[in-house]
Amino acid sequence: MSAVKLEDARRVIAAAEKKAKEIGQPMNIAVADEGGNIVAHVHRVRALLGAC
């Protein structure tokens, strides 16, 4: 299993936050490793709290 580094997860979150802002959609963003373990997560106000 390959580990996802926190610095990489932060870059992914920054890119996702930028896109969310561009499209005007508040989002909760999570980055997980291959095992499904959360490496980083951000919650935005007014973003839906739901399960997929």
PDB file of N, CA and C in Angstrom:
ATOM      1  N   MET A   1       0.852  -1.183   0.000  1.00  0.00           N
ATOM      2  CA  MET A   1       0.000   0.000   0.000  1.00  0.00           C
ATOM      3  C   MET A   1       0.890   1.236   0.000  1.00  0.00           C
ATOM      4  N   SER A   2       0.541   2.170  -0.838  1.00  0.00           N
ATOM      5  CA  SER A   2       1.298   3.404  -0.935  1.00  0.00           C
ATOM      6  C   SER A   2       0.669   4.459  -0.030  1.00  0.00           C
ATOM      7  N   ALA A   3       1.521   5.159   0.697  1.00  0.00           N
ATOM      8  CA  ALA A   3       1.033   6.183   1.624  1.00  0.00           C
ATOM      9  C   ALA A   3       0.823   7.503   0.892  1.00  0.00           C
ATOM     10  N   VAL A   4      -0.190   8.231   1.287  1.00  0.00           N
ATOM     11  CA  VAL A   4      -0.423   9.575   0.775  1.00  0.00           C
ATOM     12  C   VAL A   4       0.155  10.535   1.808  1.00  0.00           C
ATOM     13  N   LYS A   5       1.078  11.348   1.381  1.00  0.00           N
ATOM     14  CA  LYS A   5       1.709  12.297   2.293  1.00  0.00           C
ATOM     15  C   LYS A   5       0.763  13.460   2.568  1.00  0.00           C
ATOM     16  N   LEU A   6       0.842  13.995   3.766  1.00  0.00           N
ATOM     17  CA  LEU A   6      -0.015  15.109   4.149  1.00  0.00           C
ATOM     18  C   LEU A   6       0.191  16.300   3.212  1.00  0.00           C
ATOM     19  N   GLU A   7       1.415  16.579   2.828  1.00  0.00           N
ATOM     20  CA  GLU A   7       1.664  17.719   1.931  1.00  0.00           C
ATOM     21  C   GLU A   7       0.980  17.518   0.579  1.00  0.00           C
ATOM     22  N   ASP A   8       0.934  16.284   0.100  1.00  0.00           N
ATOM     23  CA  ASP A   8       0.225  16.000  -1.153  1.00  0.00           C
ATOM     24  C   ASP A   8      -1.281  16.150  -0.971  1.00  0.00           C
ATOM     25  N   ALA A   9      -1.791  15.671   0.158  1.00  0.00           N
ATOM     26  CA  ALA A   9      -3.224  15.798   0.450  1.00  0.00           C
ATOM     27  C   ALA A   9      -3.622  17.271   0.519  1.00  0.00           C
ATOM     28  N   ARG A  10      -2.781  18.087   1.091  1.00  0.00           N
ATOM     29  CA  ARG A  10      -3.072  19.523   1.181  1.00  0.00           C
ATOM     30  C   ARG A  10      -3.124  20.164  -0.200  1.00  0.00           C
ATOM     31  N   ARG A  11      -2.257  19.726  -1.121  1.00  0.00           N
ATOM     32  CA  ARG A  11      -2.291  20.260  -2.483  1.00  0.00           C
ATOM     33  C   ARG A  11      -3.578  19.854  -3.193  1.00  0.00           C
ATOM     34  N   VAL A  12      -4.006  18.621  -2.979  1.00  0.00           N
ATOM     35  CA  VAL A  12      -5.262  18.154  -3.574  1.00  0.00           C
ATOM     36  C   VAL A  12      -6.428  18.972  -3.028  1.00  0.00           C
ATOM     37  N   ILE A  13      -6.448  19.191  -1.728  1.00  0.00           N
ATOM     38  CA  ILE A  13      -7.521  19.977  -1.114  1.00  0.00           C
ATOM     39  C   ILE A  13      -7.517  21.402  -1.647  1.00  0.00           C
ATOM     40  N   ALA A  14      -6.342  22.006  -1.776  1.00  0.00           N
ATOM     41  CA  ALA A  14      -6.265  23.381  -2.295  1.00  0.00           C
ATOM     42  C   ALA A  14      -6.837  23.459  -3.707  1.00  0.00           C
ATOM     43  N   ALA A  15      -6.516  22.478  -4.545  1.00  0.00           N
ATOM     44  CA  ALA A  15      -7.044  22.472  -5.916  1.00  0.00           C
ATOM     45  C   ALA A  15      -8.556  22.281  -5.914  1.00  0.00           C
ATOM     46  N   ALA A  16      -9.057  21.404  -5.053  1.00  0.00           N
ATOM     47  CA  ALA A  16     -10.500  21.163  -4.977  1.00  0.00           C
ATOM     48  C   ALA A  16     -11.230  22.401  -4.436  1.00  0.00           C
ATOM     49  N   GLU A  17     -10.636  23.074  -3.464  1.00  0.00           N
ATOM     50  CA  GLU A  17     -11.243  24.298  -2.932  1.00  0.00           C
ATOM     51  C   GLU A  17     -11.307  25.377  -4.015  1.00  0.00           C
ATOM     52  N   LYS A  18     -10.261  25.488  -4.810  1.00  0.00           N
ATOM     53  CA  LYS A  18     -10.245  26.466  -5.895  1.00  0.00           C
ATOM     54  C   LYS A  18     -11.373  26.182  -6.879  1.00  0.00           C
ATOM     55  N   LYS A  19     -11.531  24.926  -7.260  1.00  0.00           N
ATOM     56  CA  LYS A  19     -12.588  24.547  -8.208  1.00  0.00           C
ATOM     57  C   LYS A  19     -13.969  24.795  -7.603  1.00  0.00           C
ATOM     58  N   ALA A  20     -14.149  24.438  -6.342  1.00  0.00           N
ATOM     59  CA  ALA A  20     -15.433  24.657  -5.678  1.00  0.00           C
ATOM     60  C   ALA A  20     -15.791  26.142  -5.680  1.00  0.00           C
ATOM     61  N   LYS A  21     -14.801  26.987  -5.450  1.00  0.00           N
ATOM     62  CA  LYS A  21     -15.039  28.433  -5.468  1.00  0.00           C
ATOM     63  C   LYS A  21     -15.410  28.900  -6.875  1.00  0.00           C
ATOM     64  N   GLU A  22     -14.713  28.371  -7.894  1.00  0.00           N
ATOM     65  CA  GLU A  22     -14.992  28.747  -9.281  1.00  0.00           C
ATOM     66  C   GLU A  22     -16.433  28.429  -9.681  1.00  0.00           C
ATOM     67  N   ILE A  23     -16.939  27.281  -9.228  1.00  0.00           N
ATOM     68  CA  ILE A  23     -18.291  26.876  -9.621  1.00  0.00           C
ATOM     69  C   ILE A  23     -19.349  27.307  -8.600  1.00  0.00           C
ATOM     70  N   GLY A  24     -18.914  27.975  -7.526  1.00  0.00           N
ATOM     71  CA  GLY A  24     -19.853  28.483  -6.538  1.00  0.00           C
ATOM     72  C   GLY A  24     -20.554  27.408  -5.723  1.00  0.00           C
ATOM     73  N   GLN A  25     -19.848  26.317  -5.461  1.00  0.00           N
ATOM     74  CA  GLN A  25     -20.448  25.204  -4.729  1.00  0.00           C
ATOM     75  C   GLN A  25     -19.607  24.872  -3.494  1.00  0.00           C
ATOM     76  N   PRO A  26     -20.136  25.157  -2.287  1.00  0.00           N
ATOM     77  CA  PRO A  26     -19.381  24.772  -1.095  1.00  0.00           C
ATOM     78  C   PRO A  26     -19.291  23.250  -1.006  1.00  0.00           C
ATOM     79  N   MET A  27     -18.113  22.748  -0.680  1.00  0.00           N
ATOM     80  CA  MET A  27     -17.895  21.303  -0.656  1.00  0.00           C
ATOM     81  C   MET A  27     -17.133  20.870   0.582  1.00  0.00           C
ATOM     82  N   ASN A  28     -17.434  19.680   1.044  1.00  0.00           N
ATOM     83  CA  ASN A  28     -16.587  18.994   2.002  1.00  0.00           C
ATOM     84  C   ASN A  28     -15.605  18.206   1.160  1.00  0.00           C
ATOM     85  N   ILE A  29     -14.342  18.267   1.526  1.00  0.00           N
ATOM     86  CA  ILE A  29     -13.312  17.617   0.722  1.00  0.00           C
ATOM     87  C   ILE A  29     -12.494  16.701   1.616  1.00  0.00           C
ATOM     88  N   ALA A  30     -12.332  15.461   1.184  1.00  0.00           N
ATOM     89  CA  ALA A  30     -11.521  14.499   1.928  1.00  0.00           C
ATOM     90  C   ALA A  30     -10.544  13.829   0.985  1.00  0.00           C
ATOM     91  N   VAL A  31      -9.364  13.559   1.494  1.00  0.00           N
ATOM     92  CA  VAL A  31      -8.347  12.814   0.755  1.00  0.00           C
ATOM     93  C   VAL A  31      -8.044  11.559   1.567  1.00  0.00           C
ATOM     94  N   ALA A  32      -8.120  10.415   0.894  1.00  0.00           N
ATOM     95  CA  ALA A  32      -7.881   9.137   1.565  1.00  0.00           C
ATOM     96  C   ALA A  32      -6.744   8.392   0.876  1.00  0.00           C
ATOM     97  N   ASP A  33      -6.118   7.497   1.623  1.00  0.00           N
ATOM     98  CA  ASP A  33      -5.085   6.652   1.022  1.00  0.00           C
ATOM     99  C   ASP A  33      -5.729   5.411   0.402  1.00  0.00           C
ATOM    100  N   GLU A  34      -4.915   4.519  -0.127  1.00  0.00           N
ATOM    101  CA  GLU A  34      -5.433   3.328  -0.806  1.00  0.00           C
ATOM    102  C   GLU A  34      -6.276   2.441   0.111  1.00  0.00           C
ATOM    103  N   GLY A  35      -6.015   2.503   1.389  1.00  0.00           N
ATOM    104  CA  GLY A  35      -6.771   1.691   2.345  1.00  0.00           C
ATOM    105  C   GLY A  35      -8.047   2.349   2.810  1.00  0.00           C
ATOM    106  N   GLY A  36      -8.339   3.550   2.303  1.00  0.00           N
ATOM    107  CA  GLY A  36      -9.554   4.259   2.686  1.00  0.00           C
ATOM    108  C   GLY A  36      -9.413   5.077   3.954  1.00  0.00           C
ATOM    109  N   ASN A  37      -8.203   5.216   4.440  1.00  0.00           N
ATOM    110  CA  ASN A  37      -7.962   6.003   5.652  1.00  0.00           C
ATOM    111  C   ASN A  37      -7.870   7.485   5.285  1.00  0.00           C
ATOM    112  N   ILE A  38      -8.605   8.313   6.008  1.00  0.00           N
ATOM    113  CA  ILE A  38      -8.604   9.753   5.741  1.00  0.00           C
ATOM    114  C   ILE A  38      -7.243  10.339   6.112  1.00  0.00           C
ATOM    115  N   VAL A  39      -6.647  11.047   5.165  1.00  0.00           N
ATOM    116  CA  VAL A  39      -5.376  11.717   5.393  1.00  0.00           C
ATOM    117  C   VAL A  39      -5.637  13.179   5.757  1.00  0.00           C
ATOM    118  N   ALA A  40      -6.597  13.798   5.077  1.00  0.00           N
ATOM    119  CA  ALA A  40      -6.947  15.199   5.340  1.00  0.00           C
ATOM    120  C   ALA A  40      -8.408  15.414   4.960  1.00  0.00           C
ATOM    121  N   HIS A  41      -9.044  16.359   5.662  1.00  0.00           N
ATOM    122  CA  HIS A  41     -10.453  16.660   5.412  1.00  0.00           C
ATOM    123  C   HIS A  41     -10.716  18.115   5.757  1.00  0.00           C
ATOM    124  N   VAL A  42     -11.534  18.773   4.948  1.00  0.00           N
ATOM    125  CA  VAL A  42     -11.999  20.122   5.266  1.00  0.00           C
ATOM    126  C   VAL A  42     -13.512  20.167   5.090  1.00  0.00           C
ATOM    127  N   HIS A  43     -14.159  20.915   5.955  1.00  0.00           N
ATOM    128  CA  HIS A  43     -15.609  21.109   5.881  1.00  0.00           C
ATOM    129  C   HIS A  43     -15.860  22.585   5.642  1.00  0.00           C
ATOM    130  N   ARG A  44     -16.726  22.875   4.715  1.00  0.00           N
ATOM    131  CA  ARG A  44     -17.098  24.258   4.419  1.00  0.00           C
ATOM    132  C   ARG A  44     -18.522  24.528   4.878  1.00  0.00           C
ATOM    133  N   VAL A  45     -18.731  25.728   5.373  1.00  0.00           N
ATOM    134  CA  VAL A  45     -20.059  26.146   5.806  1.00  0.00           C
ATOM    135  C   VAL A  45     -21.005  26.056   4.622  1.00  0.00           C
ATOM    136  N   ARG A  46     -22.192  25.567   4.854  1.00  0.00           N
ATOM    137  CA  ARG A  46     -23.255  25.378   3.862  1.00  0.00           C
ATOM    138  C   ARG A  46     -23.024  24.187   2.935  1.00  0.00           C
ATOM    139  N   ALA A  47     -21.955  23.446   3.141  1.00  0.00           N
ATOM    140  CA  ALA A  47     -21.752  22.240   2.326  1.00  0.00           C
ATOM    141  C   ALA A  47     -22.629  21.128   2.905  1.00  0.00           C
ATOM    142  N   LEU A  48     -23.178  20.327   2.019  1.00  0.00           N
ATOM    143  CA  LEU A  48     -24.038  19.235   2.471  1.00  0.00           C
ATOM    144  C   LEU A  48     -23.248  18.194   3.244  1.00  0.00           C
ATOM    145  N   LEU A  49     -23.843  17.696   4.310  1.00  0.00           N
ATOM    146  CA  LEU A  49     -23.247  16.590   5.054  1.00  0.00           C
ATOM    147  C   LEU A  49     -24.017  15.349   4.656  1.00  0.00           C
ATOM    148  N   GLY A  50     -23.465  14.560   3.771  1.00  0.00           N
ATOM    149  CA  GLY A  50     -24.164  13.376   3.287  1.00  0.00           C
ATOM    150  C   GLY A  50     -23.195  12.266   2.981  1.00  0.00           C
ATOM    151  N   ALA A  51     -23.724  11.089   2.880  1.00  0.00           N
ATOM    152  CA  ALA A  51     -22.908   9.923   2.529  1.00  0.00           C
ATOM    153  C   ALA A  51     -23.178   9.546   1.090  1.00  0.00           C
ATOM    154  N   CYS A  52     -22.169   9.050   0.440  1.00  0.00           N
ATOM    155  CA  CYS A  52     -22.314   8.606  -0.942  1.00  0.00           C
ATOM    156  C   CYS A  52     -22.655   7.142  -0.982  1.00  0.00           C
TER     157      CYS A  52
END
